[in-house]
Amino acid sequence: MSFFGKLFGRKSNAVTDPDKVPDAFKQVAPVFDEIGAETLGCCPENWTNAVLTITCDGRRIDYSLKNHRGEQGTATITPLLAQLAERLYSLMASNGDRWTKAELRYDQDGDSWKFKSNFSYD
């Protein structure tokens, strides 16, 4: 079962009562925000799409940051982004959610960005 499934008992896109947000989610949500800001800061200004992929084989965490729209330029993963990716895995694993791959996708929509995550498990 996914992290959000464990937290809410089902897939959920919204929480209507902030007092019912589980503590595990309250711990992880700010990390997602920090990762998003750092991910977009690591990308060339012309990118309108970025996909941060984090993989973990149980011993080692690897990262990649790519553009899936063929836009020119190269992203650079900063030490801070690597640290945030490791913190995300550690927090989720400490709550029983040990994934092997996370894809965090950012797509520009006008002046704002949309975020979507996908987690894979063995």
Protein backbone atom coordinates (compact mmCIF):
# COMPACT_ATOMS: atom_id res chain seq x y z
CA MET A 1 0.00 0.00 0.00
CA SER A 2 1.26 3.47 -0.79
CA PHE A 3 2.31 6.07 1.73
CA PHE A 4 -0.89 8.08 1.27
CA GLY A 5 -2.97 4.92 1.36
CA LYS A 6 -1.41 4.05 4.70
CA LEU A 7 -2.04 7.55 6.00
CA PHE A 8 -5.60 7.97 4.83
CA GLY A 9 -6.76 4.41 4.18
CA ARG A 10 -7.41 5.22 0.51
CA LYS A 11 -6.16 7.46 -2.26
CA SER A 12 -6.85 11.07 -1.45
CA ASN A 13 -6.17 14.35 -3.20
CA ALA A 14 -7.39 16.59 -0.42
CA VAL A 15 -7.87 16.70 3.31
CA THR A 16 -10.90 18.66 4.40
CA ASP A 17 -10.10 18.80 8.11
CA PRO A 18 -6.51 19.91 8.91
CA ASP A 19 -6.83 18.41 12.41
CA LYS A 20 -7.19 14.94 10.83
CA VAL A 21 -3.91 15.15 8.90
CA PRO A 22 -1.68 12.36 10.25
CA ASP A 23 1.62 13.34 11.88
CA ALA A 24 3.58 11.33 9.29
CA PHE A 25 2.16 13.48 6.51
CA LYS A 26 2.88 16.65 8.47
CA GLN A 27 6.53 15.56 8.65
CA VAL A 28 6.84 14.73 4.96
CA ALA A 29 4.85 17.58 3.39
CA PRO A 30 7.48 20.29 4.05
CA VAL A 31 10.17 18.05 2.54
CA PHE A 32 8.13 17.80 -0.67
CA ASP A 33 7.96 21.62 -0.72
CA GLU A 34 11.70 21.97 -0.18
CA ILE A 35 12.48 19.35 -2.83
CA GLY A 36 10.24 21.15 -5.31
CA ALA A 37 11.88 24.50 -4.77
CA GLU A 38 15.38 23.04 -4.96
CA THR A 39 14.56 20.87 -7.98
CA LEU A 40 13.28 23.83 -9.98
CA GLY A 41 16.30 25.88 -8.87
CA CYS A 42 18.59 23.18 -10.29
CA CYS A 43 16.99 23.37 -13.75
CA PRO A 44 17.78 25.72 -16.63
CA GLU A 45 15.38 28.68 -16.76
CA ASN A 46 13.93 27.58 -20.11
CA TRP A 47 12.70 24.22 -18.78
CA THR A 48 8.94 23.84 -18.41
CA ASN A 49 9.20 20.26 -17.16
CA ALA A 50 11.46 18.48 -14.69
CA VAL A 51 11.40 14.90 -13.43
CA LEU A 52 13.42 14.07 -10.34
CA THR A 53 13.90 10.31 -10.06
CA ILE A 54 15.13 8.86 -6.78
CA THR A 55 15.97 5.17 -6.55
CA CYS A 56 16.93 3.13 -3.52
CA ASP A 57 18.14 -0.46 -3.50
CA GLY A 58 18.20 -0.69 0.30
CA ARG A 59 21.84 0.34 0.54
CA ARG A 60 22.28 3.28 -1.77
CA ILE A 61 20.17 6.19 -3.02
CA ASP A 62 20.67 7.52 -6.55
CA TYR A 63 19.13 10.56 -8.21
CA SER A 64 18.59 11.95 -11.68
CA LEU A 65 16.98 15.15 -12.90
CA LYS A 66 15.76 15.23 -16.48
CA ASN A 67 13.51 17.11 -18.83
CA HIS A 68 10.94 14.98 -20.64
CA ARG A 69 10.03 17.63 -23.21
CA GLY A 70 13.38 17.71 -24.98
CA GLU A 71 14.15 21.25 -23.83
CA GLN A 72 17.80 22.26 -24.09
CA GLY A 73 20.11 22.54 -21.11
CA THR A 74 21.44 20.40 -18.32
CA ALA A 75 20.26 20.29 -14.73
CA THR A 76 22.71 19.93 -11.87
CA ILE A 77 21.78 18.10 -8.69
CA THR A 78 23.06 20.16 -5.78
CA PRO A 79 24.24 18.63 -2.52
CA LEU A 80 21.11 20.13 -0.91
CA LEU A 81 18.79 18.36 -3.37
CA ALA A 82 20.60 15.06 -2.71
CA GLN A 83 20.25 15.63 1.03
CA LEU A 84 16.52 16.40 0.67
CA ALA A 85 15.97 13.26 -1.42
CA GLU A 86 17.67 11.20 1.28
CA ARG A 87 15.58 12.88 3.97
CA LEU A 88 12.39 12.11 2.03
CA TYR A 89 13.31 8.43 1.82
CA SER A 90 14.33 8.28 5.50
CA LEU A 91 11.12 9.92 6.72
CA MET A 92 8.89 7.74 4.60
CA ALA A 93 10.84 4.56 5.48
CA SER A 94 10.60 5.39 9.19
CA ASN A 95 6.81 5.37 8.72
CA GLY A 96 6.93 1.94 7.06
CA ASP A 97 6.91 3.11 3.45
CA ARG A 98 10.03 1.65 1.81
CA TRP A 99 9.81 2.41 -1.87
CA THR A 100 12.42 1.52 -4.48
CA LYS A 101 11.72 4.38 -6.89
CA ALA A 102 10.15 7.81 -6.62
CA GLU A 103 9.37 10.02 -9.58
CA LEU A 104 8.59 13.61 -8.72
CA ARG A 105 7.31 15.41 -11.81
CA TYR A 106 7.00 19.17 -12.17
CA ASP A 107 5.19 20.74 -15.14
CA GLN A 108 4.86 24.45 -15.77
CA ASP A 109 1.28 25.59 -16.27
CA GLY A 110 1.28 29.29 -17.12
CA ASP A 111 3.00 31.10 -14.27
CA SER A 112 2.68 28.21 -11.83
CA TRP A 113 3.91 24.63 -11.56
CA LYS A 114 1.99 21.40 -11.12
CA PHE A 115 3.42 18.54 -9.08
CA LYS A 116 2.77 14.83 -9.36
CA SER A 117 4.50 11.97 -7.55
CA ASN A 118 4.68 8.29 -8.28
CA PHE A 119 6.24 5.64 -6.03
CA SER A 120 7.25 2.11 -7.03
CA TYR A 121 7.67 -0.82 -4.69
CA ASP A 122 9.20 -4.29 -5.02
